[in-house]
Amino acid sequence: MGIKCNALMMGGMETNIVDAFRTGMHVQGMEKMQTILEAIQAPHVDVNEVAGFCVNMTYGRGASQINGATIAVDNGWTSVVG
């Protein structure tokens, strides 16, 4: 089996990452990101569905056929904002 190198471009998710990095985050950048996400009304990605997708991409039928892919996992909002 060869080396798999795929990338997932994640959309917004309900996690505690903001709390974990709040003291070290660039506050103006975070506020700008929140403004953009609110303006385009981007729905959050379900963490459990992403986890299931990752397992399928790793071990699911046909997973060995995918290599070098960049996959947007963001409820389709990158197709809206380009």
Protein backbone atom coordinates (compact mmCIF):
# COMPACT_ATOMS: atom_id res chain seq x y z
CA MET A 1 0.00 0.00 0.00
CA GLY A 2 1.37 3.41 -0.95
CA ILE A 3 1.49 6.55 1.12
CA LYS A 4 -1.83 8.36 1.27
CA CYS A 5 -1.72 12.12 1.24
CA ASN A 6 -5.15 13.73 1.20
CA ALA A 7 -6.21 17.03 2.71
CA LEU A 8 -9.54 18.09 4.15
CA MET A 9 -10.49 21.77 4.06
CA MET A 10 -12.74 22.08 7.07
CA GLY A 11 -15.61 24.47 7.52
CA GLY A 12 -16.69 25.91 10.85
CA MET A 13 -17.41 23.37 13.57
CA GLU A 14 -18.79 23.57 17.07
CA THR A 15 -15.66 22.77 19.08
CA ASN A 16 -13.76 24.29 21.98
CA ILE A 17 -10.82 25.43 19.83
CA VAL A 18 -11.70 29.11 20.28
CA ASP A 19 -11.63 28.70 24.05
CA ALA A 20 -8.39 26.76 23.87
CA PHE A 21 -6.57 29.43 21.86
CA ARG A 22 -8.41 32.61 22.90
CA THR A 23 -5.45 34.11 24.74
CA GLY A 24 -3.08 33.57 21.82
CA MET A 25 -5.43 34.38 18.95
CA HIS A 26 -5.36 37.45 16.77
CA VAL A 27 -8.64 38.95 17.99
CA GLN A 28 -9.19 41.24 14.99
CA GLY A 29 -8.65 38.31 12.61
CA MET A 30 -11.09 36.14 14.56
CA GLU A 31 -13.71 38.91 14.54
CA LYS A 32 -13.27 39.38 10.79
CA MET A 33 -13.70 35.63 10.22
CA GLN A 34 -16.85 35.58 12.36
CA THR A 35 -18.26 38.55 10.42
CA ILE A 36 -17.68 36.79 7.09
CA LEU A 37 -19.17 33.49 8.28
CA GLU A 38 -22.24 35.29 9.63
CA ALA A 39 -22.65 37.28 6.41
CA ILE A 40 -22.65 34.19 4.20
CA GLN A 41 -24.65 32.23 6.77
CA ALA A 42 -22.29 29.28 6.58
CA PRO A 43 -23.75 26.28 8.40
CA HIS A 44 -21.47 24.52 10.83
CA VAL A 45 -20.06 21.12 9.94
CA ASP A 46 -21.15 18.28 12.21
CA VAL A 47 -18.06 16.98 14.01
CA ASN A 48 -19.42 13.44 14.17
CA GLU A 49 -20.09 13.35 10.43
CA VAL A 50 -16.56 14.60 9.74
CA ALA A 51 -15.17 11.86 11.99
CA GLY A 52 -17.17 9.24 10.10
CA PHE A 53 -15.99 10.65 6.78
CA CYS A 54 -12.36 10.49 7.93
CA VAL A 55 -12.75 6.85 8.98
CA ASN A 56 -14.33 6.03 5.62
CA MET A 57 -11.54 7.84 3.74
CA THR A 58 -9.00 5.82 5.68
CA TYR A 59 -10.55 2.38 5.86
CA GLY A 60 -13.71 2.39 3.71
CA ARG A 61 -14.27 0.62 0.45
CA GLY A 62 -12.30 2.37 -2.29
CA ALA A 63 -10.27 4.47 0.15
CA SER A 64 -7.02 3.13 -1.29
CA GLN A 65 -7.98 4.62 -4.67
CA ILE A 66 -7.95 8.20 -3.38
CA ASN A 67 -4.55 9.84 -3.08
CA GLY A 68 -3.49 13.47 -3.37
CA ALA A 69 -7.01 14.85 -3.06
CA THR A 70 -8.07 18.09 -1.40
CA ILE A 71 -11.65 17.76 -0.23
CA ALA A 72 -13.81 20.59 1.10
CA VAL A 73 -15.85 19.44 4.09
CA ASP A 74 -17.84 22.61 4.72
CA ASN A 75 -21.51 22.06 3.80
CA GLY A 76 -20.77 23.53 0.37
CA TRP A 77 -20.05 27.10 1.41
CA THR A 78 -16.71 27.31 -0.46
CA SER A 79 -18.66 26.73 -3.67
CA VAL A 80 -20.72 29.82 -2.80
CA VAL A 81 -17.90 32.18 -1.84
CA GLY A 82 -15.36 30.69 -4.24
